[in-house]
Amino acid sequence: MTRKIHHADSVGNFEKGKHGKYVKHLYRSKENRIFAGIIGGLGEFFDVDPVILRVLFVIVTLVTAFLPLFLLYLICIFIIPENPHQ
């Protein structure tokens, strides 16, 4: 997905890439967070309400015996950077 922006080098989750096109980046949300902003950042990236993603996360976490998604969430805290534009 590309979006033309003429007034800045970065806006929201979009930043100017190597070839002058704007690229969308995944960041942890600073504004829409409950714990570390992972699910809020996913909601901003995919343009989905984070509440829906949080409910799905809790349901899948309970169904899979808690450990797999909890470990994935902890790993994402260290891999996904915070949004520098918020």
N, C-alpha and C. Protein backbone atom coordinates (compact mmCIF):
# COMPACT_ATOMS: atom_id res chain seq x y z
N MET A 1 0.85 -1.18 0.00
CA MET A 1 0.00 0.00 0.00
C MET A 1 0.89 1.23 0.00
N THR A 2 0.70 2.12 -0.95
CA THR A 2 1.47 3.34 -0.99
C THR A 2 0.53 4.53 -0.90
N ARG A 3 1.05 5.60 -0.38
CA ARG A 3 0.26 6.81 -0.20
C ARG A 3 1.16 8.00 -0.49
N LYS A 4 0.71 8.92 -1.32
CA LYS A 4 1.51 10.08 -1.66
C LYS A 4 1.33 11.15 -0.60
N ILE A 5 2.45 11.60 -0.08
CA ILE A 5 2.46 12.67 0.92
C ILE A 5 3.54 13.65 0.48
N HIS A 6 3.20 14.89 0.33
CA HIS A 6 4.15 15.86 -0.20
C HIS A 6 4.76 16.78 0.84
N HIS A 7 4.22 16.82 2.05
CA HIS A 7 4.65 17.83 3.00
C HIS A 7 5.64 17.34 4.07
N ALA A 8 5.95 16.06 4.14
CA ALA A 8 6.86 15.59 5.19
C ALA A 8 7.53 14.29 4.75
N ASP A 9 8.61 13.95 5.43
CA ASP A 9 9.29 12.68 5.16
C ASP A 9 8.65 11.51 5.88
N SER A 10 7.85 11.79 6.90
CA SER A 10 7.15 10.71 7.61
C SER A 10 5.87 11.25 8.22
N VAL A 11 4.81 10.45 8.10
CA VAL A 11 3.51 10.80 8.67
C VAL A 11 2.90 9.53 9.21
N GLY A 12 2.56 9.52 10.50
CA GLY A 12 1.95 8.33 11.10
C GLY A 12 2.86 7.13 10.99
N ASN A 13 2.35 6.03 10.46
CA ASN A 13 3.13 4.81 10.28
C ASN A 13 3.81 4.77 8.92
N PHE A 14 3.68 5.83 8.11
CA PHE A 14 4.28 5.86 6.79
C PHE A 14 5.59 6.63 6.83
N GLU A 15 6.61 6.05 6.20
CA GLU A 15 7.90 6.73 6.08
C GLU A 15 8.40 6.58 4.66
N LYS A 16 9.19 7.53 4.22
CA LYS A 16 9.73 7.49 2.87
C LYS A 16 10.77 6.37 2.78
N GLY A 17 10.58 5.49 1.80
CA GLY A 17 11.48 4.36 1.61
C GLY A 17 12.64 4.70 0.69
N LYS A 18 13.37 3.67 0.25
CA LYS A 18 14.56 3.84 -0.57
C LYS A 18 14.27 4.49 -1.91
N HIS A 19 13.16 4.16 -2.53
CA HIS A 19 12.87 4.62 -3.88
C HIS A 19 11.88 5.77 -3.91
N GLY A 20 11.75 6.49 -2.81
CA GLY A 20 10.87 7.64 -2.74
C GLY A 20 9.42 7.31 -2.48
N LYS A 21 9.08 6.03 -2.36
CA LYS A 21 7.71 5.64 -2.05
C LYS A 21 7.53 5.57 -0.54
N TYR A 22 6.30 5.76 -0.11
CA TYR A 22 6.01 5.69 1.32
C TYR A 22 5.66 4.26 1.71
N VAL A 23 6.28 3.81 2.79
CA VAL A 23 6.13 2.44 3.26
C VAL A 23 5.51 2.48 4.65
N LYS A 24 4.57 1.58 4.91
CA LYS A 24 3.92 1.52 6.21
C LYS A 24 4.75 0.63 7.14
N HIS A 25 4.99 1.10 8.38
CA HIS A 25 5.79 0.36 9.35
C HIS A 25 4.94 -0.04 10.55
N LEU A 26 5.31 -1.16 11.14
CA LEU A 26 4.64 -1.64 12.35
C LEU A 26 5.38 -1.11 13.57
N TYR A 27 4.66 -0.39 14.42
CA TYR A 27 5.22 0.14 15.65
C TYR A 27 4.32 -0.23 16.82
N ARG A 28 4.90 -0.24 18.03
CA ARG A 28 4.09 -0.35 19.25
C ARG A 28 3.46 1.03 19.48
N SER A 29 2.20 1.04 19.81
CA SER A 29 1.48 2.29 20.01
C SER A 29 1.81 2.89 21.38
N LYS A 30 2.05 4.19 21.39
CA LYS A 30 2.25 4.89 22.66
C LYS A 30 0.93 5.40 23.20
N GLU A 31 -0.04 5.66 22.32
CA GLU A 31 -1.32 6.23 22.74
C GLU A 31 -2.38 5.16 23.00
N ASN A 32 -2.40 4.11 22.21
CA ASN A 32 -3.44 3.08 22.31
C ASN A 32 -2.83 1.82 22.92
N ARG A 33 -2.53 1.89 24.20
CA ARG A 33 -1.86 0.77 24.84
C ARG A 33 -2.51 0.45 26.17
N ILE A 34 -2.44 -0.82 26.51
CA ILE A 34 -2.86 -1.25 27.84
C ILE A 34 -1.64 -1.74 28.60
N PHE A 35 -0.81 -2.56 27.94
CA PHE A 35 0.41 -3.04 28.59
C PHE A 35 1.64 -2.49 27.86
N ALA A 36 1.93 -3.00 26.68
CA ALA A 36 3.13 -2.56 25.97
C ALA A 36 2.83 -1.94 24.61
N GLY A 37 1.57 -1.89 24.19
CA GLY A 37 1.21 -1.27 22.93
C GLY A 37 1.30 -2.16 21.71
N ILE A 38 1.54 -3.47 21.91
CA ILE A 38 1.67 -4.39 20.78
C ILE A 38 0.35 -4.50 20.02
N ILE A 39 -0.72 -4.79 20.71
CA ILE A 39 -2.00 -5.00 20.04
C ILE A 39 -2.55 -3.67 19.53
N GLY A 40 -2.32 -2.59 20.23
CA GLY A 40 -2.70 -1.27 19.73
C GLY A 40 -1.97 -0.93 18.45
N GLY A 41 -0.69 -1.27 18.38
CA GLY A 41 0.10 -1.05 17.17
C GLY A 41 -0.37 -1.91 16.01
N LEU A 42 -0.75 -3.15 16.30
CA LEU A 42 -1.30 -4.02 15.25
C LEU A 42 -2.62 -3.46 14.73
N GLY A 43 -3.44 -2.93 15.64
CA GLY A 43 -4.69 -2.32 15.23
C GLY A 43 -4.48 -1.11 14.33
N GLU A 44 -3.49 -0.28 14.65
CA GLU A 44 -3.18 0.88 13.81
C GLU A 44 -2.62 0.43 12.46
N PHE A 45 -1.78 -0.58 12.46
CA PHE A 45 -1.16 -1.06 11.22
C PHE A 45 -2.20 -1.65 10.27
N PHE A 46 -3.09 -2.49 10.79
CA PHE A 46 -4.09 -3.14 9.95
C PHE A 46 -5.40 -2.36 9.87
N ASP A 47 -5.48 -1.19 10.51
CA ASP A 47 -6.67 -0.35 10.52
C ASP A 47 -7.88 -1.12 11.04
N VAL A 48 -7.68 -1.78 12.19
CA VAL A 48 -8.72 -2.57 12.85
C VAL A 48 -8.84 -2.05 14.29
N ASP A 49 -10.04 -2.09 14.84
CA ASP A 49 -10.24 -1.67 16.22
C ASP A 49 -9.43 -2.57 17.15
N PRO A 50 -8.51 -2.01 17.95
CA PRO A 50 -7.69 -2.81 18.85
C PRO A 50 -8.49 -3.61 19.88
N VAL A 51 -9.70 -3.15 20.22
CA VAL A 51 -10.53 -3.90 21.18
C VAL A 51 -10.87 -5.27 20.61
N ILE A 52 -11.16 -5.32 19.32
CA ILE A 52 -11.45 -6.60 18.67
C ILE A 52 -10.22 -7.50 18.72
N LEU A 53 -9.06 -6.93 18.43
CA LEU A 53 -7.82 -7.73 18.48
C LEU A 53 -7.52 -8.20 19.90
N ARG A 54 -7.80 -7.36 20.89
CA ARG A 54 -7.55 -7.76 22.29
C ARG A 54 -8.46 -8.90 22.71
N VAL A 55 -9.73 -8.83 22.32
CA VAL A 55 -10.67 -9.92 22.64
C VAL A 55 -10.22 -11.21 21.97
N LEU A 56 -9.83 -11.14 20.69
CA LEU A 56 -9.33 -12.33 20.00
C LEU A 56 -8.07 -12.87 20.66
N PHE A 57 -7.18 -11.97 21.09
CA PHE A 57 -5.95 -12.39 21.75
C PHE A 57 -6.26 -13.15 23.04
N VAL A 58 -7.18 -12.63 23.84
CA VAL A 58 -7.53 -13.29 25.11
C VAL A 58 -8.17 -14.66 24.83
N ILE A 59 -9.08 -14.73 23.87
CA ILE A 59 -9.73 -16.01 23.56
C ILE A 59 -8.72 -17.03 23.08
N VAL A 60 -7.87 -16.65 22.13
CA VAL A 60 -6.88 -17.60 21.61
C VAL A 60 -5.87 -17.97 22.68
N THR A 61 -5.49 -17.04 23.54
CA THR A 61 -4.56 -17.34 24.63
C THR A 61 -5.15 -18.37 25.58
N LEU A 62 -6.42 -18.22 25.92
CA LEU A 62 -7.07 -19.19 26.81
C LEU A 62 -7.24 -20.55 26.15
N VAL A 63 -7.56 -20.57 24.86
CA VAL A 63 -7.76 -21.84 24.15
C VAL A 63 -6.45 -22.60 23.97
N THR A 64 -5.35 -21.88 23.79
CA THR A 64 -4.05 -22.54 23.54
C THR A 64 -3.24 -22.73 24.82
N ALA A 65 -3.89 -22.73 25.95
CA ALA A 65 -3.24 -22.98 27.24
C ALA A 65 -2.24 -21.89 27.62
N PHE A 66 -2.51 -20.65 27.20
CA PHE A 66 -1.83 -19.46 27.69
C PHE A 66 -0.40 -19.25 27.17
N LEU A 67 0.41 -20.27 27.08
CA LEU A 67 1.84 -20.08 26.85
C LEU A 67 2.23 -19.58 25.45
N PRO A 68 1.75 -20.14 24.33
CA PRO A 68 2.28 -19.71 23.03
C PRO A 68 2.09 -18.22 22.73
N LEU A 69 0.90 -17.69 22.88
CA LEU A 69 0.68 -16.28 22.57
C LEU A 69 1.31 -15.36 23.60
N PHE A 70 1.36 -15.79 24.84
CA PHE A 70 2.02 -14.99 25.87
C PHE A 70 3.51 -14.84 25.55
N LEU A 71 4.16 -15.93 25.14
CA LEU A 71 5.57 -15.86 24.75
C LEU A 71 5.76 -15.00 23.51
N LEU A 72 4.86 -15.14 22.53
CA LEU A 72 4.94 -14.32 21.32
C LEU A 72 4.80 -12.83 21.67
N TYR A 73 3.89 -12.51 22.57
CA TYR A 73 3.71 -11.12 23.00
C TYR A 73 4.98 -10.58 23.65
N LEU A 74 5.59 -11.38 24.51
CA LEU A 74 6.84 -10.95 25.16
C LEU A 74 7.96 -10.74 24.15
N ILE A 75 8.06 -11.61 23.16
CA ILE A 75 9.07 -11.46 22.11
C ILE A 75 8.82 -10.18 21.32
N CYS A 76 7.55 -9.91 21.00
CA CYS A 76 7.20 -8.71 20.23
C CYS A 76 7.55 -7.43 20.97
N ILE A 77 7.51 -7.45 22.29
CA ILE A 77 7.88 -6.26 23.06
C ILE A 77 9.32 -5.85 22.74
N PHE A 78 10.19 -6.81 22.55
CA PHE A 78 11.60 -6.51 22.28
C PHE A 78 11.91 -6.31 20.80
N ILE A 79 11.07 -6.85 19.91
CA ILE A 79 11.33 -6.76 18.48
C ILE A 79 10.70 -5.52 17.84
N ILE A 80 9.46 -5.20 18.21
CA ILE A 80 8.74 -4.09 17.57
C ILE A 80 9.05 -2.79 18.30
N PRO A 81 9.57 -1.79 17.58
CA PRO A 81 9.92 -0.53 18.24
C PRO A 81 8.68 0.31 18.54
N GLU A 82 8.81 1.25 19.49
CA GLU A 82 7.72 2.19 19.78
C GLU A 82 7.62 3.19 18.64
N ASN A 83 6.43 3.72 18.44
CA ASN A 83 6.19 4.68 17.36
C ASN A 83 6.87 5.99 17.71
N PRO A 84 7.84 6.42 16.90
CA PRO A 84 8.54 7.67 17.20
C PRO A 84 7.73 8.92 16.85
N HIS A 85 6.59 8.74 16.16
CA HIS A 85 5.78 9.89 15.70
C HIS A 85 4.63 10.21 16.62
N GLN A 86 4.46 9.48 17.72
CA GLN A 86 3.34 9.74 18.64
C GLN A 86 3.82 10.48 19.85
